[in-house]
Structure formats: C-alpha cells, structure tokens
Amino acid sequence: MLPIKNILCPTDFSDPSYEALKISDELAAHFGATLHIINVVPLVPIVEAPIGVESASFNVASYQQELEGQAQKSLKNLAEQKISRGVTAVTEVLIGNAAG
C-alpha cells in the first residue's frame, strides 16, 4: 500500500463536516499524515444598479475580505479544538464555488 502523507478535509462548519473531520483526524494520527482543512468562501457577486436607479453604498471587496477573515478564524479555532495533539494540521480558505 502507498504511504498516506496528506489528508484533505473540507468543512462548511456543519455537524456532518465535523464528523468527517473526526475521522480525518484519526486517519492522520494513524498514518502520521498532514491534515489539510479547507473552507471555500463563495465569491460575492458584484451587481450593477439599473440605469437611473441610485445604488446603495456597499463595499463588496471589504465584505469579501471580512468573509475570508472570519472563515480563517473559524478554521483556526476548529483546528485548535478538534485536532489531536501530534497531528499536523494546515488550514486554508479558498475563494470560489465549493460545488463546482
């Protein structure tokens, strides 16, 4: 059997994803693998106001950064709370369509 060096575990911070994380953590501990925990933040669409309609002031870029920062904090807390000692965990926030 090939050695397992990396395990990828996506999370959406739901209970079912926590169950997957628990199993991923156990596998990483057993094989001495690095556990990569990811969360995908959707890209906030930019919607143009119709001509003649005044648009509300909303900073899409700032909101996107806030979503990314919050996801990163949540991943860090998740790793601290649910990953066994001795397991190397790497967290990463990706931007895009998780289902696509």
PDB file of N, CA and C in Angstrom:
ATOM      1  N   MET A   1       0.849  -1.182   0.000  1.00  0.00           N
ATOM      2  CA  MET A   1       0.000   0.000   0.000  1.00  0.00           C
ATOM      3  C   MET A   1       0.896   1.247   0.000  1.00  0.00           C
ATOM      4  N   LEU A   2       0.464   2.259  -0.730  1.00  0.00           N
ATOM      5  CA  LEU A   2       1.186   3.522  -0.775  1.00  0.00           C
ATOM      6  C   LEU A   2       1.062   4.254   0.557  1.00  0.00           C
ATOM      7  N   PRO A   3       2.131   4.928   0.968  1.00  0.00           N
ATOM      8  CA  PRO A   3       2.036   5.687   2.225  1.00  0.00           C
ATOM      9  C   PRO A   3       1.107   6.896   2.069  1.00  0.00           C
ATOM     10  N   ILE A   4       0.342   7.158   3.088  1.00  0.00           N
ATOM     11  CA  ILE A   4      -0.548   8.323   3.087  1.00  0.00           C
ATOM     12  C   ILE A   4       0.184   9.450   3.809  1.00  0.00           C
ATOM     13  N   LYS A   5       0.443  10.539   3.079  1.00  0.00           N
ATOM     14  CA  LYS A   5       1.194  11.658   3.645  1.00  0.00           C
ATOM     15  C   LYS A   5       0.331  12.880   3.880  1.00  0.00           C
ATOM     16  N   ASN A   6      -0.746  13.016   3.105  1.00  0.00           N
ATOM     17  CA  ASN A   6      -1.625  14.180   3.210  1.00  0.00           C
ATOM     18  C   ASN A   6      -3.078  13.728   3.166  1.00  0.00           C
ATOM     19  N   ILE A   7      -3.895  14.362   3.997  1.00  0.00           N
ATOM     20  CA  ILE A   7      -5.332  14.096   4.021  1.00  0.00           C
ATOM     21  C   ILE A   7      -6.040  15.436   3.892  1.00  0.00           C
ATOM     22  N   LEU A   8      -6.968  15.519   2.952  1.00  0.00           N
ATOM     23  CA  LEU A   8      -7.731  16.740   2.714  1.00  0.00           C
ATOM     24  C   LEU A   8      -9.114  16.578   3.319  1.00  0.00           C
ATOM     25  N   CYS A   9      -9.506  17.553   4.132  1.00  0.00           N
ATOM     26  CA  CYS A   9     -10.831  17.527   4.743  1.00  0.00           C
ATOM     27  C   CYS A   9     -11.492  18.898   4.589  1.00  0.00           C
ATOM     28  N   PRO A  10     -12.457  19.002   3.663  1.00  0.00           N
ATOM     29  CA  PRO A  10     -13.193  20.261   3.550  1.00  0.00           C
ATOM     30  C   PRO A  10     -14.211  20.379   4.672  1.00  0.00           C
ATOM     31  N   THR A  11     -14.534  21.583   5.055  1.00  0.00           N
ATOM     32  CA  THR A  11     -15.547  21.796   6.082  1.00  0.00           C
ATOM     33  C   THR A  11     -16.411  22.994   5.730  1.00  0.00           C
ATOM     34  N   ASP A  12     -17.683  22.878   6.077  1.00  0.00           N
ATOM     35  CA  ASP A  12     -18.601  24.018   5.965  1.00  0.00           C
ATOM     36  C   ASP A  12     -19.109  24.390   7.353  1.00  0.00           C
ATOM     37  N   PHE A  13     -18.430  23.881   8.379  1.00  0.00           N
ATOM     38  CA  PHE A  13     -18.730  24.146   9.787  1.00  0.00           C
ATOM     39  C   PHE A  13     -20.077  23.556  10.211  1.00  0.00           C
ATOM     40  N   SER A  14     -20.506  22.503   9.541  1.00  0.00           N
ATOM     41  CA  SER A  14     -21.742  21.808   9.914  1.00  0.00           C
ATOM     42  C   SER A  14     -21.392  20.560  10.717  1.00  0.00           C
ATOM     43  N   ASP A  15     -22.384  19.995  11.411  1.00  0.00           N
ATOM     44  CA  ASP A  15     -22.154  18.778  12.183  1.00  0.00           C
ATOM     45  C   ASP A  15     -21.642  17.616  11.321  1.00  0.00           C
ATOM     46  N   PRO A  16     -22.215  17.384  10.127  1.00  0.00           N
ATOM     47  CA  PRO A  16     -21.666  16.297   9.305  1.00  0.00           C
ATOM     48  C   PRO A  16     -20.197  16.522   8.921  1.00  0.00           C
ATOM     49  N   SER A  17     -19.810  17.770   8.664  1.00  0.00           N
ATOM     50  CA  SER A  17     -18.409  18.021   8.318  1.00  0.00           C
ATOM     51  C   SER A  17     -17.508  17.818   9.539  1.00  0.00           C
ATOM     52  N   TYR A  18     -18.034  18.038  10.740  1.00  0.00           N
ATOM     53  CA  TYR A  18     -17.252  17.769  11.952  1.00  0.00           C
ATOM     54  C   TYR A  18     -17.022  16.269  12.125  1.00  0.00           C
ATOM     55  N   GLU A  19     -17.996  15.467  11.726  1.00  0.00           N
ATOM     56  CA  GLU A  19     -17.824  14.009  11.777  1.00  0.00           C
ATOM     57  C   GLU A  19     -16.726  13.582  10.804  1.00  0.00           C
ATOM     58  N   ALA A  20     -16.729  14.171   9.608  1.00  0.00           N
ATOM     59  CA  ALA A  20     -15.675  13.871   8.633  1.00  0.00           C
ATOM     60  C   ALA A  20     -14.315  14.312   9.175  1.00  0.00           C
ATOM     61  N   LEU A  21     -14.268  15.446   9.858  1.00  0.00           N
ATOM     62  CA  LEU A  21     -13.026  15.943  10.434  1.00  0.00           C
ATOM     63  C   LEU A  21     -12.512  14.992  11.517  1.00  0.00           C
ATOM     64  N   LYS A  22     -13.417  14.449  12.294  1.00  0.00           N
ATOM     65  CA  LYS A  22     -13.037  13.499  13.348  1.00  0.00           C
ATOM     66  C   LYS A  22     -12.363  12.266  12.738  1.00  0.00           C
ATOM     67  N   ILE A  23     -12.948  11.737  11.673  1.00  0.00           N
ATOM     68  CA  ILE A  23     -12.375  10.561  11.011  1.00  0.00           C
ATOM     69  C   ILE A  23     -11.047  10.933  10.342  1.00  0.00           C
ATOM     70  N   SER A  24     -10.997  12.100   9.719  1.00  0.00           N
ATOM     71  CA  SER A  24      -9.760  12.563   9.076  1.00  0.00           C
ATOM     72  C   SER A  24      -8.644  12.719  10.097  1.00  0.00           C
ATOM     73  N   ASP A  25      -8.993  13.237  11.267  1.00  0.00           N
ATOM     74  CA  ASP A  25      -8.022  13.400  12.358  1.00  0.00           C
ATOM     75  C   ASP A  25      -7.484  12.041  12.799  1.00  0.00           C
ATOM     76  N   GLU A  26      -8.366  11.062  12.935  1.00  0.00           N
ATOM     77  CA  GLU A  26      -7.949   9.720  13.336  1.00  0.00           C
ATOM     78  C   GLU A  26      -7.017   9.099  12.294  1.00  0.00           C
ATOM     79  N   LEU A  27      -7.360   9.274  11.025  1.00  0.00           N
ATOM     80  CA  LEU A  27      -6.511   8.745   9.958  1.00  0.00           C
ATOM     81  C   LEU A  27      -5.154   9.434   9.937  1.00  0.00           C
ATOM     82  N   ALA A  28      -5.148  10.748  10.097  1.00  0.00           N
ATOM     83  CA  ALA A  28      -3.887  11.495  10.110  1.00  0.00           C
ATOM     84  C   ALA A  28      -3.004  11.040  11.270  1.00  0.00           C
ATOM     85  N   ALA A  29      -3.609  10.817  12.425  1.00  0.00           N
ATOM     86  CA  ALA A  29      -2.844  10.347  13.583  1.00  0.00           C
ATOM     87  C   ALA A  29      -2.274   8.949  13.315  1.00  0.00           C
ATOM     88  N   HIS A  30      -3.082   8.088  12.744  1.00  0.00           N
ATOM     89  CA  HIS A  30      -2.661   6.713  12.474  1.00  0.00           C
ATOM     90  C   HIS A  30      -1.511   6.649  11.472  1.00  0.00           C
ATOM     91  N   PHE A  31      -1.604   7.418  10.399  1.00  0.00           N
ATOM     92  CA  PHE A  31      -0.606   7.362   9.340  1.00  0.00           C
ATOM     93  C   PHE A  31       0.513   8.391   9.486  1.00  0.00           C
ATOM     94  N   GLY A  32       0.397   9.283  10.459  1.00  0.00           N
ATOM     95  CA  GLY A  32       1.391  10.341  10.609  1.00  0.00           C
ATOM     96  C   GLY A  32       1.326  11.326   9.451  1.00  0.00           C
ATOM     97  N   ALA A  33       0.126  11.517   8.923  1.00  0.00           N
ATOM     98  CA  ALA A  33      -0.079  12.382   7.763  1.00  0.00           C
ATOM     99  C   ALA A  33      -0.395  13.811   8.193  1.00  0.00           C
ATOM    100  N   THR A  34      -0.194  14.730   7.282  1.00  0.00           N
ATOM    101  CA  THR A  34      -0.592  16.121   7.491  1.00  0.00           C
ATOM    102  C   THR A  34      -2.057  16.249   7.119  1.00  0.00           C
ATOM    103  N   LEU A  35      -2.825  16.891   7.967  1.00  0.00           N
ATOM    104  CA  LEU A  35      -4.253  17.100   7.731  1.00  0.00           C
ATOM    105  C   LEU A  35      -4.471  18.507   7.201  1.00  0.00           C
ATOM    106  N   HIS A  36      -5.017  18.607   5.998  1.00  0.00           N
ATOM    107  CA  HIS A  36      -5.311  19.890   5.367  1.00  0.00           C
ATOM    108  C   HIS A  36      -6.807  20.142   5.505  1.00  0.00           C
ATOM    109  N   ILE A  37      -7.157  21.178   6.254  1.00  0.00           N
ATOM    110  CA  ILE A  37      -8.569  21.522   6.479  1.00  0.00           C
ATOM    111  C   ILE A  37      -8.859  22.770   5.664  1.00  0.00           C
ATOM    112  N   ILE A  38      -9.861  22.681   4.773  1.00  0.00           N
ATOM    113  CA  ILE A  38     -10.178  23.831   3.929  1.00  0.00           C
ATOM    114  C   ILE A  38     -11.637  24.236   4.081  1.00  0.00           C
ATOM    115  N   ASN A  39     -11.870  25.490   3.798  1.00  0.00           N
ATOM    116  CA  ASN A  39     -13.222  26.038   3.716  1.00  0.00           C
ATOM    117  C   ASN A  39     -13.263  26.911   2.476  1.00  0.00           C
ATOM    118  N   VAL A  40     -14.334  26.775   1.711  1.00  0.00           N
ATOM    119  CA  VAL A  40     -14.477  27.567   0.495  1.00  0.00           C
ATOM    120  C   VAL A  40     -15.501  28.668   0.739  1.00  0.00           C
ATOM    121  N   VAL A  41     -15.045  29.905   0.593  1.00  0.00           N
ATOM    122  CA  VAL A  41     -15.915  31.077   0.734  1.00  0.00           C
ATOM    123  C   VAL A  41     -16.388  31.453  -0.666  1.00  0.00           C
ATOM    124  N   PRO A  42     -17.697  31.589  -0.855  1.00  0.00           N
ATOM    125  CA  PRO A  42     -18.169  31.961  -2.189  1.00  0.00           C
ATOM    126  C   PRO A  42     -17.751  33.381  -2.556  1.00  0.00           C
ATOM    127  N   LEU A  43     -17.524  33.587  -3.833  1.00  0.00           N
ATOM    128  CA  LEU A  43     -17.193  34.909  -4.328  1.00  0.00           C
ATOM    129  C   LEU A  43     -18.459  35.761  -4.300  1.00  0.00           C
ATOM    130  N   VAL A  44     -18.374  36.918  -3.667  1.00  0.00           N
ATOM    131  CA  VAL A  44     -19.532  37.814  -3.573  1.00  0.00           C
ATOM    132  C   VAL A  44     -19.737  38.456  -4.940  1.00  0.00           C
ATOM    133  N   PRO A  45     -20.920  38.276  -5.524  1.00  0.00           N
ATOM    134  CA  PRO A  45     -21.144  38.854  -6.850  1.00  0.00           C
ATOM    135  C   PRO A  45     -21.279  40.378  -6.790  1.00  0.00           C
ATOM    136  N   ILE A  46     -20.822  41.012  -7.838  1.00  0.00           N
ATOM    137  CA  ILE A  46     -20.971  42.460  -7.958  1.00  0.00           C
ATOM    138  C   ILE A  46     -22.173  42.702  -8.850  1.00  0.00           C
ATOM    139  N   VAL A  47     -23.181  43.345  -8.301  1.00  0.00           N
ATOM    140  CA  VAL A  47     -24.412  43.599  -9.032  1.00  0.00           C
ATOM    141  C   VAL A  47     -24.486  45.084  -9.346  1.00  0.00           C
ATOM    142  N   GLU A  48     -24.621  45.386 -10.601  1.00  0.00           N
ATOM    143  CA  GLU A  48     -24.730  46.780 -11.041  1.00  0.00           C
ATOM    144  C   GLU A  48     -26.184  47.243 -10.900  1.00  0.00           C
ATOM    145  N   ALA A  49     -26.366  48.448 -10.424  1.00  0.00           N
ATOM    146  CA  ALA A  49     -27.710  49.024 -10.319  1.00  0.00           C
ATOM    147  C   ALA A  49     -28.197  49.408 -11.715  1.00  0.00           C
ATOM    148  N   PRO A  50     -29.475  49.231 -11.978  1.00  0.00           N
ATOM    149  CA  PRO A  50     -30.018  49.641 -13.282  1.00  0.00           C
ATOM    150  C   PRO A  50     -29.815  51.144 -13.499  1.00  0.00           C
ATOM    151  N   ILE A  51     -29.732  51.536 -14.753  1.00  0.00           N
ATOM    152  CA  ILE A  51     -29.553  52.945 -15.101  1.00  0.00           C
ATOM    153  C   ILE A  51     -30.725  53.747 -14.539  1.00  0.00           C
ATOM    154  N   GLY A  52     -30.409  54.844 -13.894  1.00  0.00           N
ATOM    155  CA  GLY A  52     -31.441  55.705 -13.326  1.00  0.00           C
ATOM    156  C   GLY A  52     -31.794  55.361 -11.892  1.00  0.00           C
ATOM    157  N   VAL A  53     -31.278  54.242 -11.384  1.00  0.00           N
ATOM    158  CA  VAL A  53     -31.536  53.841 -10.002  1.00  0.00           C
ATOM    159  C   VAL A  53     -30.270  54.074  -9.202  1.00  0.00           C
ATOM    160  N   GLU A  54     -30.412  54.819  -8.128  1.00  0.00           N
ATOM    161  CA  GLU A  54     -29.267  55.110  -7.281  1.00  0.00           C
ATOM    162  C   GLU A  54     -28.917  53.858  -6.479  1.00  0.00           C
ATOM    163  N   SER A  55     -27.651  53.472  -6.503  1.00  0.00           N
ATOM    164  CA  SER A  55     -27.243  52.263  -5.782  1.00  0.00           C
ATOM    165  C   SER A  55     -26.870  52.607  -4.347  1.00  0.00           C
ATOM    166  N   ALA A  56     -27.101  51.650  -3.475  1.00  0.00           N
ATOM    167  CA  ALA A  56     -26.716  51.826  -2.078  1.00  0.00           C
ATOM    168  C   ALA A  56     -25.203  51.688  -1.969  1.00  0.00           C
ATOM    169  N   SER A  57     -24.626  52.344  -1.011  1.00  0.00           N
ATOM    170  CA  SER A  57     -23.194  52.271  -0.819  1.00  0.00           C
ATOM    171  C   SER A  57     -22.859  50.970  -0.083  1.00  0.00           C
ATOM    172  N   PHE A  58     -22.185  50.058  -0.789  1.00  0.00           N
ATOM    173  CA  PHE A  58     -21.813  48.771  -0.219  1.00  0.00           C
ATOM    174  C   PHE A  58     -20.462  48.386  -0.792  1.00  0.00           C
ATOM    175  N   ASN A  59     -19.494  48.178   0.061  1.00  0.00           N
ATOM    176  CA  ASN A  59     -18.145  47.857  -0.369  1.00  0.00           C
ATOM    177  C   ASN A  59     -17.994  46.337  -0.468  1.00  0.00           C
ATOM    178  N   VAL A  60     -18.114  45.821  -1.682  1.00  0.00           N
ATOM    179  CA  VAL A  60     -18.068  44.379  -1.913  1.00  0.00           C
ATOM    180  C   VAL A  60     -16.702  43.813  -1.536  1.00  0.00           C
ATOM    181  N   ALA A  61     -15.629  44.491  -1.899  1.00  0.00           N
ATOM    182  CA  ALA A  61     -14.283  43.996  -1.599  1.00  0.00           C
ATOM    183  C   ALA A  61     -14.053  43.882  -0.094  1.00  0.00           C
ATOM    184  N   SER A  62     -14.516  44.867   0.635  1.00  0.00           N
ATOM    185  CA  SER A  62     -14.374  44.842   2.092  1.00  0.00           C
ATOM    186  C   SER A  62     -15.172  43.690   2.698  1.00  0.00           C
ATOM    187  N   TYR A  63     -16.381  43.490   2.179  1.00  0.00           N
ATOM    188  CA  TYR A  63     -17.229  42.394   2.667  1.00  0.00           C
ATOM    189  C   TYR A  63     -16.582  41.040   2.355  1.00  0.00           C
ATOM    190  N   GLN A  64     -16.003  40.895   1.164  1.00  0.00           N
ATOM    191  CA  GLN A  64     -15.327  39.645   0.790  1.00  0.00           C
ATOM    192  C   GLN A  64     -14.168  39.373   1.737  1.00  0.00           C
ATOM    193  N   GLN A  65     -13.387  40.397   2.043  1.00  0.00           N
ATOM    194  CA  GLN A  65     -12.266  40.240   2.975  1.00  0.00           C
ATOM    195  C   GLN A  65     -12.756  39.850   4.368  1.00  0.00           C
ATOM    196  N   GLU A  66     -13.874  40.421   4.781  1.00  0.00           N
ATOM    197  CA  GLU A  66     -14.441  40.087   6.087  1.00  0.00           C
ATOM    198  C   GLU A  66     -14.869  38.618   6.133  1.00  0.00           C
ATOM    199  N   LEU A  67     -15.484  38.141   5.064  1.00  0.00           N
ATOM    200  CA  LEU A  67     -15.883  36.726   4.997  1.00  0.00           C
ATOM    201  C   LEU A  67     -14.665  35.810   5.071  1.00  0.00           C
ATOM    202  N   GLU A  68     -13.622  36.156   4.333  1.00  0.00           N
ATOM    203  CA  GLU A  68     -12.397  35.361   4.335  1.00  0.00           C
ATOM    204  C   GLU A  68     -11.737  35.351   5.712  1.00  0.00           C
ATOM    205  N   GLY A  69     -11.665  36.514   6.335  1.00  0.00           N
ATOM    206  CA  GLY A  69     -11.063  36.612   7.663  1.00  0.00           C
ATOM    207  C   GLY A  69     -11.831  35.822   8.701  1.00  0.00           C
ATOM    208  N   GLN A  70     -13.151  35.892   8.636  1.00  0.00           N
ATOM    209  CA  GLN A  70     -13.984  35.141   9.578  1.00  0.00           C
ATOM    210  C   GLN A  70     -13.814  33.636   9.374  1.00  0.00           C
ATOM    211  N   ALA A  71     -13.736  33.207   8.120  1.00  0.00           N
ATOM    212  CA  ALA A  71     -13.532  31.787   7.829  1.00  0.00           C
ATOM    213  C   ALA A  71     -12.178  31.322   8.350  1.00  0.00           C
ATOM    214  N   GLN A  72     -11.158  32.148   8.186  1.00  0.00           N
ATOM    215  CA  GLN A  72      -9.820  31.785   8.665  1.00  0.00           C
ATOM    216  C   GLN A  72      -9.807  31.637  10.190  1.00  0.00           C
ATOM    217  N   LYS A  73     -10.465  32.567  10.889  1.00  0.00           N
ATOM    218  CA  LYS A  73     -10.560  32.476  12.348  1.00  0.00           C
ATOM    219  C   LYS A  73     -11.302  31.219  12.769  1.00  0.00           C
ATOM    220  N   SER A  74     -12.384  30.936  12.084  1.00  0.00           N
ATOM    221  CA  SER A  74     -13.184  29.747  12.407  1.00  0.00           C
ATOM    222  C   SER A  74     -12.384  28.469  12.174  1.00  0.00           C
ATOM    223  N   LEU A  75     -11.609  28.427  11.084  1.00  0.00           N
ATOM    224  CA  LEU A  75     -10.772  27.252  10.820  1.00  0.00           C
ATOM    225  C   LEU A  75      -9.703  27.079  11.895  1.00  0.00           C
ATOM    226  N   LYS A  76      -9.101  28.176  12.291  1.00  0.00           N
ATOM    227  CA  LYS A  76      -8.070  28.109  13.328  1.00  0.00           C
ATOM    228  C   LYS A  76      -8.656  27.578  14.637  1.00  0.00           C
ATOM    229  N   ASN A  77      -9.808  28.104  15.026  1.00  0.00           N
ATOM    230  CA  ASN A  77     -10.468  27.632  16.248  1.00  0.00           C
ATOM    231  C   ASN A  77     -10.865  26.162  16.137  1.00  0.00           C
ATOM    232  N   LEU A  78     -11.353  25.775  14.966  1.00  0.00           N
ATOM    233  CA  LEU A  78     -11.750  24.390  14.743  1.00  0.00           C
ATOM    234  C   LEU A  78     -10.555  23.460  14.906  1.00  0.00           C
ATOM    235  N   ALA A  79      -9.426  23.834  14.312  1.00  0.00           N
ATOM    236  CA  ALA A  79      -8.218  23.010  14.422  1.00  0.00           C
ATOM    237  C   ALA A  79      -7.740  22.919  15.869  1.00  0.00           C
ATOM    238  N   GLU A  80      -7.798  24.029  16.589  1.00  0.00           N
ATOM    239  CA  GLU A  80      -7.358  24.025  17.983  1.00  0.00           C
ATOM    240  C   GLU A  80      -8.253  23.150  18.857  1.00  0.00           C
ATOM    241  N   GLN A  81      -9.546  23.126  18.572  1.00  0.00           N
ATOM    242  CA  GLN A  81     -10.496  22.403  19.414  1.00  0.00           C
ATOM    243  C   GLN A  81     -10.656  20.928  19.043  1.00  0.00           C
ATOM    244  N   LYS A  82     -10.534  20.596  17.759  1.00  0.00           N
ATOM    245  CA  LYS A  82     -10.918  19.253  17.334  1.00  0.00           C
ATOM    246  C   LYS A  82      -9.784  18.383  16.804  1.00  0.00           C
ATOM    247  N   ILE A  83      -8.595  18.923  16.662  1.00  0.00           N
ATOM    248  CA  ILE A  83      -7.493  18.136  16.122  1.00  0.00           C
ATOM    249  C   ILE A  83      -6.618  17.629  17.259  1.00  0.00           C
ATOM    250  N   SER A  84      -6.281  16.348  17.180  1.00  0.00           N
ATOM    251  CA  SER A  84      -5.476  15.702  18.219  1.00  0.00           C
ATOM    252  C   SER A  84      -4.076  16.294  18.283  1.00  0.00           C
ATOM    253  N   ARG A  85      -3.511  16.261  19.464  1.00  0.00           N
ATOM    254  CA  ARG A  85      -2.121  16.685  19.614  1.00  0.00           C
ATOM    255  C   ARG A  85      -1.248  15.706  18.854  1.00  0.00           C
ATOM    256  N   GLY A  86      -0.244  16.223  18.229  1.00  0.00           N
ATOM    257  CA  GLY A  86       0.644  15.372  17.449  1.00  0.00           C
ATOM    258  C   GLY A  86       0.271  15.312  15.975  1.00  0.00           C
ATOM    259  N   VAL A  87      -0.939  15.752  15.639  1.00  0.00           N
ATOM    260  CA  VAL A  87      -1.354  15.788  14.238  1.00  0.00           C
ATOM    261  C   VAL A  87      -1.033  17.174  13.687  1.00  0.00           C
ATOM    262  N   THR A  88      -0.327  17.211  12.577  1.00  0.00           N
ATOM    263  CA  THR A  88      -0.028  18.476  11.916  1.00  0.00           C
ATOM    264  C   THR A  88      -1.227  18.866  11.075  1.00  0.00           C
ATOM    265  N   ALA A  89      -1.805  20.015  11.382  1.00  0.00           N
ATOM    266  CA  ALA A  89      -2.974  20.497  10.645  1.00  0.00           C
ATOM    267  C   ALA A  89      -2.636  21.812   9.954  1.00  0.00           C
ATOM    268  N   VAL A  90      -3.029  21.905   8.691  1.00  0.00           N
ATOM    269  CA  VAL A  90      -2.862  23.109   7.896  1.00  0.00           C
ATOM    270  C   VAL A  90      -4.252  23.592   7.505  1.00  0.00           C
ATOM    271  N   THR A  91      -4.544  24.852   7.754  1.00  0.00           N
ATOM    272  CA  THR A  91      -5.855  25.388   7.391  1.00  0.00           C
ATOM    273  C   THR A  91      -5.708  26.355   6.224  1.00  0.00           C
ATOM    274  N   GLU A  92      -6.726  26.352   5.361  1.00  0.00           N
ATOM    275  CA  GLU A  92      -6.686  27.258   4.216  1.00  0.00           C
ATOM    276  C   GLU A  92      -8.099  27.642   3.802  1.00  0.00           C
ATOM    277  N   VAL A  93      -8.264  28.914   3.498  1.00  0.00           N
ATOM    278  CA  VAL A  93      -9.531  29.418   2.977  1.00  0.00           C
ATOM    279  C   VAL A  93      -9.360  29.624   1.480  1.00  0.00           C
ATOM    280  N   LEU A  94     -10.277  29.047   0.716  1.00  0.00           N
ATOM    281  CA  LEU A  94     -10.273  29.201  -0.726  1.00  0.00           C
ATOM    282  C   LEU A  94     -11.481  30.036  -1.142  1.00  0.00           C
ATOM    283  N   ILE A  95     -11.410  30.677  -2.291  1.00  0.00           N
ATOM    284  CA  ILE A  95     -12.494  31.513  -2.797  1.00  0.00           C
ATOM    285  C   ILE A  95     -13.049  30.855  -4.048  1.00  0.00           C
ATOM    286  N   GLY A  96     -14.364  30.713  -4.121  1.00  0.00           N
ATOM    287  CA  GLY A  96     -14.957  30.151  -5.320  1.00  0.00           C
ATOM    288  C   GLY A  96     -16.239  29.414  -5.046  1.00  0.00           C
ATOM    289  N   ASN A  97     -16.546  28.482  -5.926  1.00  0.00           N
ATOM    290  CA  ASN A  97     -17.749  27.680  -5.826  1.00  0.00           C
ATOM    291  C   ASN A  97     -17.370  26.300  -5.307  1.00  0.00           C
ATOM    292  N   ALA A  98     -17.749  25.987  -4.085  1.00  0.00           N
ATOM    293  CA  ALA A  98     -17.372  24.715  -3.470  1.00  0.00           C
ATOM    294  C   ALA A  98     -17.935  23.521  -4.224  1.00  0.00           C
ATOM    295  N   ALA A  99     -19.090  23.686  -4.824  1.00  0.00           N
ATOM    296  CA  ALA A  99     -19.739  22.583  -5.526  1.00  0.00           C
ATOM    297  C   ALA A  99     -19.253  22.451  -6.965  1.00  0.00           C
ATOM    298  N   GLY A 100     -18.594  23.478  -7.468  1.00  0.00           N
ATOM    299  CA  GLY A 100     -18.219  23.472  -8.886  1.00  0.00           C
ATOM    300  C   GLY A 100     -16.848  23.027  -9.059  1.00  0.00           C
TER     301      GLY A 100
END
